[in-house]
Amino acid sequence: MIGRFSLLPEQASTVAGQVDTLYFFLVALSAFFSVLIAFVLFAFVIRYRRSRARKVVPTGGGFLALELTWTVIPFILVMIIFGWGARVFVTMRTPPDDAMQVYVVGKQWMWKAQHIEGRREINELHVPVGRPVRLLLTSEDVIHSFYVPAFRVKQDAVPGRYTSMWFEADKVGEYHLFCAEFCGTAHARMIGRIVVMEPAEFQNWLSGGSGSGDMLAEGEKLFEQLGCRSCHQAETGSRGPTLAGLFNKQVQLADGRTVVADDTYLREAILNPQAAVVAGYQPIMPTFKGQVSEESLLQLLAYIKSLQGPKAAGADAAAGSGKAHAMLPVHGGQS
């Protein structure tokens, strides 16, 4: 019934109902106390208005029960709101492990998306119904904001860093996509659509793209062209560490800090490799800033993340020693 409320967009994701229910609870709670306060105020104005004959209103002593009541009840309500809101927030910020990965780059004034299989889109995003989708977002110029009202999700795309969001569409159809951050003179034209398809139909669409290679193949090609393999070999004495199994592992820096090799970490490792050298390796890696585009960076990341490390103690040793000359993430956290 809430989904049909005319003042709200259609509910088309698994979290939309949770967001709307919390929203209506807050609105109802605010309306209730607004009416209650207005009524009490009006009653007091009438009850204690000044009359012609001056009367001295007696002042009583302390009203401990009353004071406890209007202290404890708001506290309980605030804790309910906090717990409920935190639960919805955690749900919206924690993508399932099996979420489909899509890379999105904002640019004045368009959204460019690329699927891991290589299919590219501009101002459109095709996704299957009933499957979680995780977006890794960045921007080539200014701050943009990826906003899908029907899914009740919004996330800023910030230049120089990565942010992420996820959703799971539960209805087939087409839904509006907006930029919710003013990004220049043509901001109003930075619109698109999310196309939700049946899984079989989506697979047919995904396999019917152009002949360009998938992101892993393109990333591997860039990895070779930039000469990365000459240093990052799985051999003793290599000038750089092997990247196999590095993603999401902890690395130890030369100054004693420990960081996690996430998306932002790997991005900075490519663009600013001298910022925080990791223990065990010399700061000899050149910067590739200005030599690779944001889309090329995403392809490199997809390839590096796909590399599998040793399944036995070798992988744990590599993660524990942190022997990688990647960099410290910039501006950790979400926008």
Protein backbone atom coordinates (compact mmCIF):
# COMPACT_ATOMS: atom_id res chain seq x y z
CA MET A 1 0.00 0.00 0.00
CA ILE A 2 2.86 2.36 0.83
CA GLY A 3 4.40 1.69 -2.60
CA ARG A 4 1.24 3.09 -4.27
CA PHE A 5 1.32 6.34 -2.30
CA SER A 6 1.15 8.97 -5.01
CA LEU A 7 3.74 11.29 -3.49
CA LEU A 8 6.47 8.63 -3.58
CA PRO A 9 8.23 6.87 -6.47
CA GLU A 10 7.47 3.23 -7.09
CA GLN A 11 9.20 0.73 -4.82
CA ALA A 12 11.42 -1.46 -6.99
CA SER A 13 14.21 -2.78 -4.75
CA THR A 14 14.57 -4.97 -1.69
CA VAL A 15 15.43 -2.02 0.57
CA ALA A 16 12.83 0.45 -0.73
CA GLY A 17 10.11 -0.84 1.60
CA GLN A 18 12.42 -0.64 4.63
CA VAL A 19 13.40 2.95 3.83
CA ASP A 20 9.79 4.02 3.29
CA THR A 21 8.55 2.35 6.47
CA LEU A 22 11.19 4.13 8.55
CA TYR A 23 10.39 7.41 6.79
CA PHE A 24 6.67 7.15 7.51
CA PHE A 25 7.37 6.24 11.13
CA LEU A 26 9.44 9.42 11.53
CA VAL A 27 6.77 11.52 9.81
CA ALA A 28 3.99 10.03 11.97
CA LEU A 29 6.03 10.52 15.15
CA SER A 30 6.80 14.14 14.24
CA ALA A 31 3.14 14.81 13.38
CA PHE A 32 1.93 13.25 16.64
CA PHE A 33 4.18 15.36 18.85
CA SER A 34 3.53 18.50 16.78
CA VAL A 35 -0.22 18.12 17.32
CA LEU A 36 0.26 17.20 20.99
CA ILE A 37 2.46 20.23 21.69
CA ALA A 38 0.11 22.57 19.83
CA PHE A 39 -2.89 21.23 21.77
CA VAL A 40 -1.16 21.54 25.15
CA LEU A 41 0.06 25.03 24.28
CA PHE A 42 -3.45 26.11 23.29
CA ALA A 43 -4.94 24.57 26.45
CA PHE A 44 -2.42 26.37 28.64
CA VAL A 45 -3.09 29.67 26.90
CA ILE A 46 -6.82 29.34 27.67
CA ARG A 47 -6.38 27.89 31.16
CA TYR A 48 -3.85 30.39 32.41
CA ARG A 49 -4.85 33.48 30.47
CA ARG A 50 -4.82 36.78 32.41
CA SER A 51 -8.20 37.73 33.86
CA ARG A 52 -9.44 41.06 35.15
CA ALA A 53 -9.15 39.96 38.73
CA ARG A 54 -5.56 39.18 39.39
CA LYS A 55 -5.10 35.76 40.81
CA VAL A 56 -1.92 34.38 42.22
CA VAL A 57 -1.26 31.00 40.71
CA PRO A 58 0.21 28.75 43.35
CA THR A 59 3.51 27.13 42.51
CA GLY A 60 3.85 23.56 43.54
CA GLY A 61 6.90 21.60 44.46
CA GLY A 62 8.87 19.27 42.21
CA PHE A 63 7.06 16.83 39.95
CA LEU A 64 9.58 13.99 39.77
CA ALA A 65 7.21 11.54 38.07
CA LEU A 66 6.33 14.06 35.36
CA GLU A 67 9.96 14.97 34.73
CA LEU A 68 10.96 11.32 34.51
CA THR A 69 8.10 10.69 32.10
CA TRP A 70 9.07 13.38 29.61
CA THR A 71 12.70 12.34 29.88
CA VAL A 72 12.43 8.56 29.64
CA ILE A 73 9.80 8.39 26.88
CA PRO A 74 11.74 10.61 24.41
CA PHE A 75 14.92 8.69 25.26
CA ILE A 76 13.24 5.38 24.41
CA LEU A 77 11.85 6.80 21.16
CA VAL A 78 15.25 8.18 20.17
CA MET A 79 16.89 4.79 20.85
CA ILE A 80 14.24 3.07 18.71
CA ILE A 81 14.90 5.51 15.87
CA PHE A 82 18.66 5.07 16.22
CA GLY A 83 18.53 1.28 16.26
CA TRP A 84 16.06 1.07 13.40
CA GLY A 85 17.97 3.61 11.29
CA ALA A 86 21.30 1.92 11.97
CA ARG A 87 19.89 -1.44 10.92
CA VAL A 88 18.59 -0.02 7.62
CA PHE A 89 21.89 1.81 7.05
CA VAL A 90 23.99 -1.32 7.60
CA THR A 91 21.72 -3.25 5.24
CA MET A 92 22.11 -0.59 2.54
CA ARG A 93 25.91 -0.37 2.97
CA THR A 94 26.74 -4.10 3.11
CA PRO A 95 26.51 -5.80 -0.28
CA PRO A 96 26.13 -9.58 -0.43
CA ASP A 97 29.27 -11.54 -1.28
CA ASP A 98 27.74 -12.80 -4.54
CA ALA A 99 26.83 -9.32 -5.81
CA MET A 100 27.39 -8.67 -9.51
CA GLN A 101 30.12 -6.04 -10.04
CA VAL A 102 29.57 -3.05 -12.34
CA TYR A 103 32.01 -0.15 -12.75
CA VAL A 104 30.57 3.36 -13.18
CA VAL A 105 32.35 6.61 -14.10
CA GLY A 106 30.60 9.96 -13.87
CA LYS A 107 31.56 12.66 -16.35
CA GLN A 108 30.03 15.99 -17.33
CA TRP A 109 27.35 15.16 -18.26
CA MET A 110 26.88 11.42 -18.55
CA TRP A 111 27.15 8.13 -16.70
CA LYS A 112 29.50 5.55 -18.23
CA ALA A 113 29.06 1.97 -17.02
CA GLN A 114 31.01 -1.17 -17.85
CA HIS A 115 30.17 -4.74 -16.93
CA ILE A 116 32.93 -7.16 -16.00
CA GLU A 117 32.13 -9.07 -19.22
CA GLY A 118 33.06 -5.95 -21.22
CA ARG A 119 29.64 -4.59 -22.22
CA ARG A 120 29.64 -0.77 -22.01
CA GLU A 121 26.71 1.59 -21.53
CA ILE A 122 26.18 5.35 -21.46
CA ASN A 123 23.32 6.77 -19.37
CA GLU A 124 21.86 3.28 -19.10
CA LEU A 125 22.43 0.33 -16.84
CA HIS A 126 20.97 -3.10 -17.56
CA VAL A 127 20.70 -5.44 -14.56
CA PRO A 128 18.92 -8.74 -13.84
CA VAL A 129 15.96 -8.85 -11.49
CA GLY A 130 16.48 -10.63 -8.19
CA ARG A 131 20.29 -10.38 -8.18
CA PRO A 132 22.37 -8.02 -6.01
CA VAL A 133 24.39 -5.48 -8.01
CA ARG A 134 27.38 -3.63 -6.55
CA LEU A 135 28.51 -0.42 -8.25
CA LEU A 136 32.06 0.90 -7.92
CA LEU A 137 31.83 4.62 -8.64
CA THR A 138 34.28 7.39 -9.44
CA SER A 139 34.30 10.65 -11.38
CA GLU A 140 36.53 12.10 -14.09
CA ASP A 141 35.90 15.75 -13.24
CA VAL A 142 33.58 17.00 -10.45
CA ILE A 143 31.38 15.43 -7.79
CA HIS A 144 28.34 13.63 -9.20
CA SER A 145 25.70 11.60 -7.36
CA PHE A 146 24.19 8.36 -8.66
CA TYR A 147 20.51 8.44 -7.64
CA VAL A 148 17.76 5.92 -8.41
CA PRO A 149 14.55 7.05 -6.65
CA ALA A 150 12.66 3.78 -7.22
CA PHE A 151 15.46 1.85 -5.48
CA ARG A 152 15.85 4.43 -2.66
CA VAL A 153 19.62 4.49 -3.18
CA LYS A 154 22.02 7.39 -3.76
CA GLN A 155 25.80 7.61 -3.67
CA ASP A 156 28.28 10.36 -4.57
CA ALA A 157 30.86 9.72 -7.29
CA VAL A 158 33.95 11.66 -6.21
CA PRO A 159 37.01 12.47 -8.36
CA GLY A 160 40.21 10.87 -7.11
CA ARG A 161 38.62 8.13 -5.03
CA TYR A 162 36.20 5.20 -5.18
CA THR A 163 32.82 4.88 -3.52
CA SER A 164 30.40 1.99 -3.72
CA MET A 165 26.72 1.20 -3.42
CA TRP A 166 24.52 -1.81 -4.02
CA PHE A 167 20.91 -2.64 -4.75
CA GLU A 168 18.75 -5.60 -5.70
CA ALA A 169 15.90 -4.82 -8.07
CA ASP A 170 12.79 -6.88 -7.41
CA LYS A 171 10.61 -5.69 -10.31
CA VAL A 172 11.20 -5.85 -14.04
CA GLY A 173 10.92 -2.48 -15.75
CA GLU A 174 12.67 0.81 -16.48
CA TYR A 175 13.50 3.28 -13.73
CA HIS A 176 14.83 6.83 -13.69
CA LEU A 177 18.52 7.55 -13.04
CA PHE A 178 19.55 11.05 -11.98
CA CYS A 179 22.62 12.97 -10.90
CA ALA A 180 21.62 14.40 -7.51
CA GLU A 181 24.64 16.71 -7.13
CA PHE A 182 24.84 19.99 -9.05
CA CYS A 183 27.73 19.39 -11.43
CA GLY A 184 27.65 22.24 -13.95
CA THR A 185 25.52 24.03 -16.49
CA ALA A 186 24.09 20.84 -18.02
CA HIS A 187 23.43 19.10 -14.71
CA ALA A 188 19.71 18.80 -15.50
CA ARG A 189 20.50 16.75 -18.61
CA MET A 190 22.59 14.18 -16.74
CA ILE A 191 19.80 11.63 -16.62
CA GLY A 192 19.45 8.02 -17.66
CA ARG A 193 17.59 4.82 -16.90
CA ILE A 194 18.02 1.51 -15.12
CA VAL A 195 16.65 -1.39 -17.15
CA VAL A 196 15.72 -4.38 -15.00
CA MET A 197 15.38 -7.60 -16.99
CA GLU A 198 14.62 -11.24 -16.42
CA PRO A 199 17.87 -13.21 -15.84
CA ALA A 200 17.70 -15.11 -19.13
CA GLU A 201 16.90 -11.94 -21.06
CA PHE A 202 19.76 -10.14 -19.33
CA GLN A 203 22.23 -12.87 -20.30
CA ASN A 204 21.11 -12.61 -23.91
CA TRP A 205 21.59 -8.84 -23.80
CA LEU A 206 24.97 -9.20 -22.11
CA SER A 207 26.27 -11.60 -24.74
CA GLY A 208 24.96 -9.50 -27.62
CA GLY A 209 27.34 -6.57 -27.18
CA SER A 210 30.18 -5.39 -29.37
CA GLY A 211 33.25 -7.46 -29.99
CA SER A 212 35.35 -5.65 -27.37
CA GLY A 213 37.05 -7.87 -24.81
CA ASP A 214 35.89 -8.21 -21.24
CA MET A 215 37.37 -6.06 -18.48
CA LEU A 216 39.75 -8.78 -17.31
CA ALA A 217 41.20 -9.22 -20.81
CA GLU A 218 41.53 -5.46 -21.30
CA GLY A 219 43.10 -5.10 -17.86
CA GLU A 220 45.60 -7.86 -18.58
CA LYS A 221 46.50 -6.17 -21.87
CA LEU A 222 47.16 -2.87 -20.05
CA PHE A 223 49.13 -4.74 -17.40
CA GLU A 224 51.46 -6.02 -20.14
CA GLN A 225 51.63 -2.74 -22.08
CA LEU A 226 52.62 -0.74 -19.00
CA GLY A 227 55.37 -3.23 -18.16
CA CYS A 228 53.90 -4.18 -14.79
CA ARG A 229 54.76 -7.86 -15.14
CA SER A 230 58.49 -7.15 -15.33
CA CYS A 231 58.48 -6.25 -11.62
CA HIS A 232 55.43 -8.04 -10.24
CA GLN A 233 56.51 -11.63 -10.70
CA ALA A 234 56.00 -14.51 -8.33
CA GLU A 235 59.73 -15.04 -7.98
CA THR A 236 62.19 -14.53 -5.16
CA GLY A 237 64.17 -11.35 -5.62
CA SER A 238 61.64 -9.58 -7.82
CA ARG A 239 61.69 -5.80 -7.66
CA GLY A 240 57.99 -5.81 -6.82
CA PRO A 241 55.69 -8.30 -5.12
CA THR A 242 53.33 -10.65 -6.82
CA LEU A 243 49.82 -9.21 -6.94
CA ALA A 244 48.12 -12.60 -6.84
CA GLY A 245 45.79 -12.76 -3.87
CA LEU A 246 46.63 -9.22 -2.74
CA PHE A 247 43.14 -7.71 -2.93
CA ASN A 248 41.49 -7.10 0.46
CA LYS A 249 44.57 -8.35 2.31
CA GLN A 250 46.52 -6.34 4.89
CA VAL A 251 49.91 -4.90 3.95
CA GLN A 252 52.58 -3.50 6.22
CA LEU A 253 54.10 -0.14 5.30
CA ALA A 254 57.73 0.80 5.88
CA ASP A 255 56.73 3.28 8.59
CA GLY A 256 54.92 0.59 10.57
CA ARG A 257 51.35 1.32 9.48
CA THR A 258 49.05 -1.45 8.30
CA VAL A 259 46.51 -0.86 5.52
CA VAL A 260 44.04 -2.97 3.54
CA ALA A 261 44.57 -3.43 -0.19
CA ASP A 262 41.10 -2.35 -1.29
CA ASP A 263 40.03 -0.59 -4.49
CA THR A 264 41.22 2.86 -3.39
CA TYR A 265 44.53 1.40 -2.18
CA LEU A 266 45.25 -0.18 -5.57
CA ARG A 267 44.26 3.00 -7.38
CA GLU A 268 46.75 5.05 -5.37
CA ALA A 269 49.39 2.38 -5.88
CA ILE A 270 49.17 3.00 -9.62
CA LEU A 271 48.90 6.79 -9.55
CA ASN A 272 51.07 7.74 -6.55
CA PRO A 273 53.40 4.85 -5.70
CA GLN A 274 55.88 6.93 -3.67
CA ALA A 275 53.38 8.13 -1.05
CA ALA A 276 53.74 5.19 1.34
CA VAL A 277 56.31 2.55 0.50
CA VAL A 278 55.66 -0.87 1.96
CA ALA A 279 58.20 -2.73 4.04
CA GLY A 280 60.59 -4.88 2.07
CA TYR A 281 60.65 -3.03 -1.26
CA GLN A 282 62.36 0.04 -2.63
CA PRO A 283 60.34 3.07 -3.88
CA ILE A 284 61.23 2.51 -7.52
CA MET A 285 57.79 2.19 -9.09
CA PRO A 286 57.04 5.07 -11.52
CA THR A 287 53.74 6.92 -11.44
CA PHE A 288 51.16 6.31 -14.15
CA LYS A 289 49.20 9.43 -13.37
CA GLY A 290 48.06 11.06 -16.61
CA GLN A 291 48.91 7.92 -18.61
CA VAL A 292 45.78 5.92 -17.87
CA SER A 293 42.16 7.07 -17.81
CA GLU A 294 39.65 6.29 -15.07
CA GLU A 295 38.15 3.56 -17.24
CA SER A 296 41.59 2.03 -17.81
CA LEU A 297 42.24 2.12 -14.08
CA LEU A 298 39.03 0.20 -13.47
CA GLN A 299 40.11 -2.41 -16.02
CA LEU A 300 43.47 -2.78 -14.29
CA LEU A 301 41.74 -3.12 -10.94
CA ALA A 302 39.39 -5.78 -12.29
CA TYR A 303 42.36 -7.79 -13.57
CA ILE A 304 44.42 -7.43 -10.37
CA LYS A 305 41.43 -8.43 -8.23
CA SER A 306 40.93 -11.52 -10.38
CA LEU A 307 44.43 -12.83 -9.71
CA GLN A 308 44.30 -15.76 -7.32
CA GLY A 309 47.06 -16.29 -4.79
CA PRO A 310 48.41 -19.57 -3.41
CA LYS A 311 45.80 -21.50 -1.48
CA ALA A 312 48.12 -22.70 1.23
CA ALA A 313 50.48 -20.99 3.62
CA GLY A 314 52.07 -18.96 0.86
CA ALA A 315 48.99 -16.76 0.56
CA ASP A 316 48.82 -16.17 4.31
CA ALA A 317 52.50 -15.37 4.45
CA ALA A 318 52.18 -12.86 1.64
CA ALA A 319 49.23 -11.20 3.33
CA GLY A 320 50.91 -11.15 6.72
CA SER A 321 54.25 -9.80 5.54
CA GLY A 322 52.49 -7.12 3.50
CA LYS A 323 55.25 -7.03 0.93
CA ALA A 324 53.65 -4.78 -1.61
CA HIS A 325 54.62 -1.30 -2.69
CA ALA A 326 51.05 -0.08 -3.07
CA MET A 327 49.88 3.10 -1.40
CA LEU A 328 47.76 4.22 1.50
CA PRO A 329 44.10 4.79 0.55
CA VAL A 330 43.03 8.40 0.13
CA HIS A 331 40.06 9.73 2.17
CA GLY A 332 38.93 6.38 3.54
CA GLY A 333 35.17 5.84 3.98
CA GLN A 334 31.95 6.82 2.10
CA SER A 335 30.81 10.15 0.92
